[in-house]
């Protein structure tokens, strides 16, 4: 259900002071320090900013907080209002954009348009050129704004000089929770036949806090693909926005046995020091009951664990898997891609991923504002931290603007050729 578009109002100095105090407390207590941050020095600089932030315009207040958080050098560290229009397009209209030259100018063009999302339902196509949002032209590097619970009028032009189209995009409203920011969750998984004997599995997101419902949907997708004779698989993680434990079910389909996917690490254990092999080894739960038992097991102890695959046995596509990634592949998508490449379970094709691989929670800090803060790190099965590093493809394959003009997905075509070789 859409909610009325409520503009932000000014905050009193008292409200601002309370928000800033909660942010500083949360960062010092919960933030995962992957970059060697000196919290005492950071808190000192944050305190020095506070007097000015109490009286500036609201947009300057927000920007000042974001600049302070940027000094922590970590992903998943975000200050936002629940009525924000600063969401990335993939989080609001379920489509990614990239800057390309078009008619001699830098223009945003749509890349990953997720099936069933607001952009797709409105008629946006891969390759469309974004001209304006609500009558205002937007060109790189300025990212177009989309607000949850609003209807936006956007102007696009099609490929190869097609005339401009005026499109209305309705963006539903979503409440944020502690586990999930207020985003429009794309449909996932999506599957199709890409070529003879080749299944195409599109994963824009791993939904749900437990991943159990996603796992059931994934099982159905694999049953259908295998029933149609697919013994080769393309997993499309381009534009992937993250999610939770469902990625472990997909990882389990890539290998027959029970092996480490990677391990989580809390700030407490990071400070104390640890031995990786001494961490508890926990397979991804298969049922909600198993999940609740695992949750109870770690309720009063450190939650740093080695996550294992489930041992689903041999699959007809083992040894014939390609994973597509790009610069918008984030978080759990990167965790899956790194697991596949380190264990030589798939060939990675595309462009280097984002390097945003920390586990985060959201905390209300007052007046409709939230702080998203990373509370654990993720390390690959070989012990490598992907934060700030990302996953490099085995085969670099970027988007050719000409292929966008012709509506041909060259990266999917290249993946099919690799599987045919």
Protein backbone atom coordinates (compact mmCIF):
# COMPACT_ATOMS: atom_id res chain seq x y z
CA UNK A 1 0.00 0.00 0.00
CA UNK A 2 1.26 3.47 -0.90
CA UNK A 3 1.49 6.16 1.76
CA UNK A 4 1.25 9.89 1.16
CA UNK A 5 4.49 11.60 0.23
CA UNK A 6 5.50 13.29 3.49
CA UNK A 7 8.27 15.88 3.20
CA UNK A 8 10.88 15.97 5.92
CA UNK A 9 10.56 18.76 8.45
CA UNK A 10 13.19 20.53 10.51
CA UNK A 11 14.41 18.87 13.69
CA UNK A 12 14.86 20.68 16.99
CA UNK A 13 18.38 20.88 18.44
CA UNK A 14 17.25 18.49 21.20
CA UNK A 15 16.06 15.91 18.64
CA UNK A 16 19.30 16.22 16.70
CA UNK A 17 21.39 15.89 19.82
CA UNK A 18 19.55 12.70 20.79
CA UNK A 19 19.98 11.24 17.28
CA UNK A 20 23.70 12.00 17.24
CA UNK A 21 24.22 10.52 20.71
CA UNK A 22 22.49 7.26 19.69
CA UNK A 23 24.55 7.03 16.50
CA UNK A 24 27.83 7.48 18.38
CA UNK A 25 26.82 4.93 21.02
CA UNK A 26 25.75 2.35 18.44
CA UNK A 27 28.92 2.72 16.37
CA UNK A 28 31.20 2.33 19.38
CA UNK A 29 29.29 -0.68 20.68
CA UNK A 30 28.33 -2.63 17.54
CA UNK A 31 30.29 -1.51 14.45
CA UNK A 32 32.47 -4.20 12.85
CA UNK A 33 35.94 -2.69 12.50
CA UNK A 34 37.28 -4.16 9.26
CA UNK A 35 39.49 -1.17 8.45
CA UNK A 36 41.36 -0.65 11.73
CA UNK A 37 39.33 2.41 12.77
CA UNK A 38 40.41 4.23 15.94
CA UNK A 39 37.00 4.72 17.55
CA UNK A 40 38.28 7.19 20.14
CA UNK A 41 39.57 9.48 17.41
CA UNK A 42 36.43 8.98 15.32
CA UNK A 43 34.19 9.78 18.29
CA UNK A 44 36.26 12.90 19.02
CA UNK A 45 35.80 14.17 15.44
CA UNK A 46 32.11 13.28 15.59
CA UNK A 47 31.76 15.31 18.77
CA UNK A 48 33.51 18.27 17.18
CA UNK A 49 30.95 18.23 14.37
CA UNK A 50 27.97 18.10 16.73
CA UNK A 51 27.53 21.84 17.58
CA UNK A 52 27.31 22.79 13.89
CA UNK A 53 24.94 19.94 13.08
CA UNK A 54 22.45 21.15 15.67
CA UNK A 55 21.58 24.31 13.73
CA UNK A 56 22.16 23.71 9.99
CA UNK A 57 19.46 23.01 7.40
CA UNK A 58 18.00 19.49 7.48
CA UNK A 59 19.78 18.33 4.31
CA UNK A 60 23.10 19.63 5.71
CA UNK A 61 22.45 17.76 8.96
CA UNK A 62 21.88 14.51 7.08
CA UNK A 63 24.91 15.04 4.85
CA UNK A 64 27.11 15.88 7.84
CA UNK A 65 26.15 12.61 9.55
CA UNK A 66 26.79 10.65 6.35
CA UNK A 67 30.23 12.23 5.94
CA UNK A 68 31.11 11.24 9.51
CA UNK A 69 29.98 7.66 8.90
CA UNK A 70 31.95 7.53 5.65
CA UNK A 71 35.14 7.97 7.69
CA UNK A 72 34.56 4.47 9.11
CA UNK A 73 35.36 3.10 5.65
CA UNK A 74 32.83 0.26 5.72
CA UNK A 75 29.89 -0.83 3.63
CA UNK A 76 26.40 -1.23 5.12
CA UNK A 77 26.91 1.95 7.20
CA UNK A 78 24.01 4.22 6.29
CA UNK A 79 22.01 7.02 7.88
CA UNK A 80 18.61 7.50 6.32
CA UNK A 81 15.06 8.68 6.91
CA UNK A 82 12.20 6.25 6.38
CA UNK A 83 10.82 8.68 3.76
CA UNK A 84 14.13 9.05 1.96
CA UNK A 85 14.47 9.51 -1.78
CA UNK A 86 18.17 8.59 -1.70
CA UNK A 87 17.60 4.89 -2.35
CA UNK A 88 19.44 3.36 -5.27
CA UNK A 89 17.16 2.44 -8.19
CA UNK A 90 17.63 -1.28 -7.52
CA UNK A 91 16.27 -0.80 -4.00
CA UNK A 92 13.25 1.25 -5.05
CA UNK A 93 12.21 0.47 -8.64
CA UNK A 94 14.17 -2.82 -8.93
CA UNK A 95 16.46 -1.78 -11.77
CA UNK A 96 20.14 -0.83 -12.00
CA UNK A 97 21.59 1.91 -14.17
CA UNK A 98 24.99 2.65 -15.66
CA UNK A 99 26.45 5.71 -17.35
CA UNK A 100 27.05 5.39 -21.09
CA UNK A 101 27.69 7.84 -23.88
CA UNK A 102 24.48 8.33 -25.83
CA UNK A 103 24.09 10.88 -28.61
CA UNK A 104 27.34 12.47 -27.48
CA UNK A 105 26.30 12.89 -23.82
CA UNK A 106 26.64 10.87 -20.65
CA UNK A 107 23.29 9.24 -19.93
CA UNK A 108 21.95 6.71 -17.46
CA UNK A 109 20.87 3.51 -19.18
CA UNK A 110 18.96 0.70 -17.53
CA UNK A 111 20.91 -2.54 -17.14
CA UNK A 112 19.30 -5.08 -14.80
CA UNK A 113 15.51 -4.72 -14.84
CA UNK A 114 14.15 -7.24 -12.33
CA UNK A 115 11.09 -9.16 -13.42
CA UNK A 116 7.97 -8.18 -11.48
CA UNK A 117 9.52 -5.02 -9.98
CA UNK A 118 8.08 -1.49 -10.33
CA UNK A 119 10.28 -0.60 -13.33
CA UNK A 120 9.46 -3.83 -15.17
CA UNK A 121 5.74 -3.51 -14.49
CA UNK A 122 5.82 0.07 -15.79
CA UNK A 123 7.39 -1.03 -19.08
CA UNK A 124 11.06 -0.14 -18.56
CA UNK A 125 13.34 -2.28 -20.74
CA UNK A 126 17.00 -3.17 -20.56
CA UNK A 127 18.86 -0.53 -22.58
CA UNK A 128 16.31 2.25 -22.13
CA UNK A 129 17.88 5.69 -21.66
CA UNK A 130 16.74 7.68 -18.61
CA UNK A 131 16.03 11.29 -19.58
CA UNK A 132 14.13 12.83 -16.65
CA UNK A 133 12.36 12.04 -13.37
CA UNK A 134 9.26 14.08 -12.50
CA UNK A 135 10.22 16.58 -15.18
CA UNK A 136 13.78 17.09 -13.92
CA UNK A 137 16.62 15.93 -16.21
CA UNK A 138 19.13 13.57 -14.58
CA UNK A 139 22.55 12.86 -15.99
CA UNK A 140 25.58 11.08 -14.46
CA UNK A 141 26.98 11.33 -11.89
CA UNK A 142 23.78 12.53 -10.19
CA UNK A 143 21.69 9.47 -9.35
CA UNK A 144 17.96 9.73 -10.05
CA UNK A 145 15.79 9.84 -6.87
CA UNK A 146 12.91 7.49 -6.21
CA UNK A 147 10.82 7.60 -3.04
CA UNK A 148 9.00 4.67 -1.48
CA UNK A 149 5.25 5.13 -1.43
CA UNK A 150 5.30 7.58 -4.35
CA UNK A 151 4.34 7.62 -8.01
CA UNK A 152 7.05 9.00 -10.30
CA UNK A 153 6.73 10.23 -13.86
CA UNK A 154 9.86 9.34 -15.79
CA UNK A 155 10.90 10.07 -19.34
CA UNK A 156 12.90 7.46 -21.23
CA UNK A 157 14.03 6.99 -24.80
CA UNK A 158 14.45 3.59 -26.33
CA UNK A 159 17.45 2.16 -28.13
CA UNK A 160 18.49 3.16 -31.66
CA UNK A 161 16.78 6.54 -31.63
CA UNK A 162 13.30 5.43 -30.65
CA UNK A 163 11.05 8.28 -29.59
CA UNK A 164 10.71 9.30 -25.96
CA UNK A 165 8.14 7.67 -23.72
CA UNK A 166 6.46 9.04 -20.61
CA UNK A 167 6.09 6.33 -17.99
CA UNK A 168 4.43 6.31 -14.59
CA UNK A 169 6.17 4.14 -11.97
CA UNK A 170 4.35 3.33 -8.74
CA UNK A 171 6.75 2.52 -5.90
CA UNK A 172 5.09 0.71 -2.97
CA UNK A 173 5.79 1.77 0.60
CA UNK A 174 7.81 -0.58 2.80
CA UNK A 175 8.44 -0.30 6.53
CA UNK A 176 11.97 -0.93 7.69
CA UNK A 177 12.73 -3.53 10.36
CA UNK A 178 15.77 -4.35 12.44
CA UNK A 179 16.77 -7.06 9.95
CA UNK A 180 15.82 -5.33 6.71
CA UNK A 181 16.03 -1.75 5.46
CA UNK A 182 12.94 -0.24 3.81
CA UNK A 183 13.46 -1.50 0.27
CA UNK A 184 11.31 -3.04 -2.44
CA UNK A 185 12.34 -6.69 -2.43
CA UNK A 186 12.57 -8.06 -5.97
CA UNK A 187 11.02 -11.35 -6.98
CA UNK A 188 13.50 -14.20 -6.52
CA UNK A 189 14.29 -16.75 -7.84
CA UNK A 190 13.34 -16.42 -11.53
CA UNK A 191 14.18 -19.20 -13.96
CA UNK A 192 13.96 -19.96 -17.67
CA UNK A 193 15.59 -22.02 -20.42
CA UNK A 194 18.44 -19.96 -21.91
CA UNK A 195 19.56 -22.47 -24.55
CA UNK A 196 19.15 -26.21 -25.23
CA UNK A 197 19.90 -28.10 -21.98
CA UNK A 198 20.87 -24.81 -20.27
CA UNK A 199 18.90 -23.36 -17.37
CA UNK A 200 19.04 -19.66 -16.51
CA UNK A 201 18.52 -18.86 -12.83
CA UNK A 202 18.15 -15.15 -12.01
CA UNK A 203 18.73 -14.26 -8.34
CA UNK A 204 18.24 -10.53 -7.65
CA UNK A 205 17.90 -11.07 -3.88
CA UNK A 206 17.93 -13.69 -1.12
CA UNK A 207 14.71 -12.85 0.76
CA UNK A 208 13.56 -13.68 4.27
CA UNK A 209 15.49 -13.65 7.55
CA UNK A 210 15.81 -17.46 7.63
CA UNK A 211 16.02 -18.20 3.91
CA UNK A 212 13.65 -21.17 4.33
CA UNK A 213 10.90 -19.90 2.02
CA UNK A 214 13.48 -18.96 -0.60
CA UNK A 215 15.02 -22.43 -0.31
CA UNK A 216 11.62 -24.00 -1.03
CA UNK A 217 11.15 -21.77 -4.09
CA UNK A 218 14.67 -22.61 -5.24
CA UNK A 219 13.99 -26.34 -4.91
CA UNK A 220 10.94 -25.91 -7.14
CA UNK A 221 12.99 -24.01 -9.73
CA UNK A 222 15.63 -26.73 -9.86
CA UNK A 223 13.05 -29.49 -10.13
CA UNK A 224 11.47 -27.71 -13.10
CA UNK A 225 14.80 -27.06 -14.85
CA UNK A 226 15.97 -30.64 -14.37
CA UNK A 227 12.62 -31.99 -15.61
CA UNK A 228 13.28 -30.13 -18.85
CA UNK A 229 16.64 -31.82 -19.32
CA UNK A 230 18.90 -29.00 -18.13
CA UNK A 231 22.36 -30.27 -17.25
CA UNK A 232 24.05 -26.86 -17.60
CA UNK A 233 23.35 -23.81 -15.49
CA UNK A 234 23.78 -20.04 -15.73
CA UNK A 235 23.28 -18.22 -12.41
CA UNK A 236 22.65 -14.53 -13.02
CA UNK A 237 23.73 -12.42 -10.02
CA UNK A 238 24.02 -9.15 -11.94
CA UNK A 239 22.48 -6.32 -9.93
CA UNK A 240 22.06 -8.61 -6.91
CA UNK A 241 21.19 -6.47 -3.86
CA UNK A 242 21.98 -8.93 -1.04
CA UNK A 243 19.73 -10.66 1.45
CA UNK A 244 20.30 -13.36 4.02
CA UNK A 245 20.75 -17.08 4.57
CA UNK A 246 19.05 -18.24 1.38
CA UNK A 247 22.40 -17.93 -0.41
CA UNK A 248 23.61 -21.00 1.51
CA UNK A 249 20.89 -23.16 -0.10
CA UNK A 250 22.07 -22.13 -3.57
CA UNK A 251 25.68 -22.77 -2.52
CA UNK A 252 24.58 -26.25 -1.42
CA UNK A 253 23.32 -27.00 -4.94
CA UNK A 254 26.77 -26.31 -6.37
CA UNK A 255 28.57 -29.17 -4.60
CA UNK A 256 27.54 -32.70 -3.56
CA UNK A 257 28.97 -32.76 -0.03
CA UNK A 258 29.01 -30.71 3.14
CA UNK A 259 31.87 -28.19 2.91
CA UNK A 260 32.58 -24.71 4.39
CA UNK A 261 31.04 -21.75 2.58
CA UNK A 262 32.81 -19.22 4.77
CA UNK A 263 32.64 -17.87 8.30
CA UNK A 264 31.07 -14.97 10.15
CA UNK A 265 33.01 -12.97 12.73
CA UNK A 266 31.65 -10.70 15.45
CA UNK A 267 33.40 -7.53 16.72
CA UNK A 268 33.95 -9.23 20.10
CA UNK A 269 35.88 -12.14 18.67
CA UNK A 270 37.73 -9.88 16.23
CA UNK A 271 39.08 -7.91 19.21
CA UNK A 272 39.92 -10.98 21.29
CA UNK A 273 41.52 -12.93 18.48
CA UNK A 274 40.43 -16.34 17.24
CA UNK A 275 41.43 -19.54 15.45
CA UNK A 276 39.25 -20.20 12.43
CA UNK A 277 39.31 -23.98 12.75
CA UNK A 278 38.06 -23.71 16.34
CA UNK A 279 34.83 -21.98 15.30
CA UNK A 280 31.59 -24.02 15.45
CA UNK A 281 30.68 -25.66 12.12
CA UNK A 282 27.00 -25.12 11.34
CA UNK A 283 25.14 -26.30 8.21
CA UNK A 284 22.48 -24.01 6.75
CA UNK A 285 19.21 -25.12 8.48
CA UNK A 286 16.79 -27.02 6.22
CA UNK A 287 13.60 -26.22 8.14
CA UNK A 288 12.26 -23.46 10.34
CA UNK A 289 12.53 -25.82 13.31
CA UNK A 290 16.23 -26.39 12.62
CA UNK A 291 16.70 -22.65 12.31
CA UNK A 292 15.08 -22.03 15.70
CA UNK A 293 17.29 -24.70 17.29
CA UNK A 294 20.40 -23.09 15.80
CA UNK A 295 19.21 -19.69 17.00
CA UNK A 296 18.71 -21.01 20.52
CA UNK A 297 22.12 -22.67 20.46
CA UNK A 298 23.88 -19.35 19.78
CA UNK A 299 21.55 -17.06 21.73
CA UNK A 300 23.94 -16.68 24.66
CA UNK A 301 27.27 -17.23 22.95
CA UNK A 302 29.35 -15.58 20.28
CA UNK A 303 27.74 -15.91 16.85
CA UNK A 304 30.98 -16.39 14.91
CA UNK A 305 30.50 -19.65 12.99
CA UNK A 306 31.67 -21.59 9.96
CA UNK A 307 28.65 -21.98 7.66
CA UNK A 308 28.49 -25.31 5.83
CA UNK A 309 26.61 -26.46 2.76
CA UNK A 310 23.85 -29.01 3.31
CA UNK A 311 25.15 -32.00 1.34
CA UNK A 312 22.42 -32.22 -1.32
CA UNK A 313 24.28 -34.80 -3.39
CA UNK A 314 25.31 -34.84 -7.08
CA UNK A 315 23.42 -32.61 -9.52
CA UNK A 316 23.35 -33.02 -13.34
CA UNK A 317 24.86 -29.56 -13.87
CA UNK A 318 27.89 -30.02 -11.58
CA UNK A 319 31.02 -29.00 -13.48
CA UNK A 320 28.93 -27.01 -15.98
CA UNK A 321 27.98 -23.79 -14.16
CA UNK A 322 28.62 -20.15 -15.08
CA UNK A 323 27.87 -17.28 -12.68
CA UNK A 324 27.30 -13.78 -14.08
CA UNK A 325 28.31 -10.78 -11.93
CA UNK A 326 28.78 -7.04 -12.34
CA UNK A 327 29.60 -3.92 -10.32
CA UNK A 328 26.11 -3.96 -8.80
CA UNK A 329 26.52 -7.50 -7.42
CA UNK A 330 26.52 -7.00 -3.64
CA UNK A 331 26.76 -8.75 -0.30
CA UNK A 332 25.28 -12.29 -0.26
CA UNK A 333 25.69 -12.46 -4.04
CA UNK A 334 29.42 -11.88 -3.58
CA UNK A 335 29.51 -14.50 -0.83
CA UNK A 336 28.06 -17.05 -3.24
CA UNK A 337 30.35 -16.06 -6.11
CA UNK A 338 33.47 -16.24 -3.93
CA UNK A 339 32.46 -19.68 -2.62
CA UNK A 340 31.98 -20.95 -6.18
CA UNK A 341 35.26 -19.60 -7.52
CA UNK A 342 37.42 -20.62 -4.53
CA UNK A 343 36.13 -24.18 -4.74
CA UNK A 344 36.20 -24.26 -8.56
CA UNK A 345 32.50 -24.99 -8.75
CA UNK A 346 31.67 -22.42 -11.44
CA UNK A 347 33.25 -20.05 -13.91
CA UNK A 348 32.66 -16.39 -12.99
CA UNK A 349 31.89 -14.13 -15.97
CA UNK A 350 31.28 -10.37 -16.04
CA UNK A 351 32.89 -7.48 -14.17
CA UNK A 352 34.29 -7.13 -10.66
CA UNK A 353 31.72 -7.08 -7.86
CA UNK A 354 31.09 -4.27 -5.38
CA UNK A 355 33.04 -5.51 -2.32
CA UNK A 356 30.18 -4.77 0.09
CA UNK A 357 30.29 -7.87 2.28
CA UNK A 358 29.38 -7.21 5.90
CA UNK A 359 26.37 -8.37 7.91
CA UNK A 360 24.26 -5.46 9.14
CA UNK A 361 21.25 -4.57 11.27
CA UNK A 362 19.09 -1.44 11.37
CA UNK A 363 18.49 0.63 14.47
CA UNK A 364 15.98 3.42 14.97
CA UNK A 365 17.69 6.58 16.16
CA UNK A 366 14.67 8.89 16.42
CA UNK A 367 12.36 11.18 14.42
CA UNK A 368 11.92 8.63 11.64
CA UNK A 369 15.67 8.14 11.15
CA UNK A 370 17.52 4.84 10.99
CA UNK A 371 21.14 3.81 11.25
CA UNK A 372 22.24 0.76 9.31
CA UNK A 373 25.41 -0.60 10.89
CA UNK A 374 27.58 -3.65 10.14
CA UNK A 375 27.71 -6.03 13.12
CA UNK A 376 29.73 -8.93 11.73
CA UNK A 377 32.29 -9.61 9.04
CA UNK A 378 32.24 -12.34 6.43
CA UNK A 379 35.31 -14.34 5.41
CA UNK A 380 35.51 -16.80 2.55
CA UNK A 381 36.21 -20.52 2.86
CA UNK A 382 39.92 -19.71 2.46
CA UNK A 383 39.77 -17.03 5.16
CA UNK A 384 39.80 -13.99 2.87
CA UNK A 385 37.77 -10.88 3.73
CA UNK A 386 35.90 -9.60 0.67
CA UNK A 387 34.98 -6.23 2.16
CA UNK A 388 36.40 -3.55 -0.13
CA UNK A 389 37.89 -6.23 -2.39
CA UNK A 390 35.01 -7.86 -4.26
CA UNK A 391 35.14 -10.88 -6.54
CA UNK A 392 37.05 -10.68 -9.82
CA UNK A 393 35.64 -12.68 -12.75
CA UNK A 394 37.51 -15.56 -14.35
CA UNK A 395 36.50 -14.07 -17.68
CA UNK A 396 36.01 -10.32 -18.05
CA UNK A 397 32.90 -9.62 -20.10
CA UNK A 398 31.45 -6.13 -19.96
CA UNK A 399 28.28 -4.72 -21.47
CA UNK A 400 28.65 -3.45 -25.03
CA UNK A 401 26.40 -0.42 -25.58
CA UNK A 402 25.65 -1.74 -29.07
CA UNK A 403 24.21 -4.90 -27.55
CA UNK A 404 21.90 -2.75 -25.44
CA UNK A 405 20.70 -1.06 -28.62
CA UNK A 406 19.92 -4.43 -30.18
CA UNK A 407 18.34 -5.89 -27.01
CA UNK A 408 20.87 -8.75 -27.05
CA UNK A 409 22.24 -9.90 -23.69
CA UNK A 410 25.82 -10.58 -24.74
CA UNK A 411 26.87 -11.79 -21.29
CA UNK A 412 24.19 -14.52 -21.20
CA UNK A 413 25.16 -15.48 -24.78
CA UNK A 414 28.83 -15.67 -23.76
CA UNK A 415 27.96 -17.82 -20.75
CA UNK A 416 26.04 -20.25 -22.98
CA UNK A 417 29.01 -20.46 -25.36
CA UNK A 418 31.32 -21.34 -22.45
CA UNK A 419 29.00 -24.12 -21.38
CA UNK A 420 28.86 -25.46 -24.96
CA UNK A 421 32.66 -25.51 -25.32
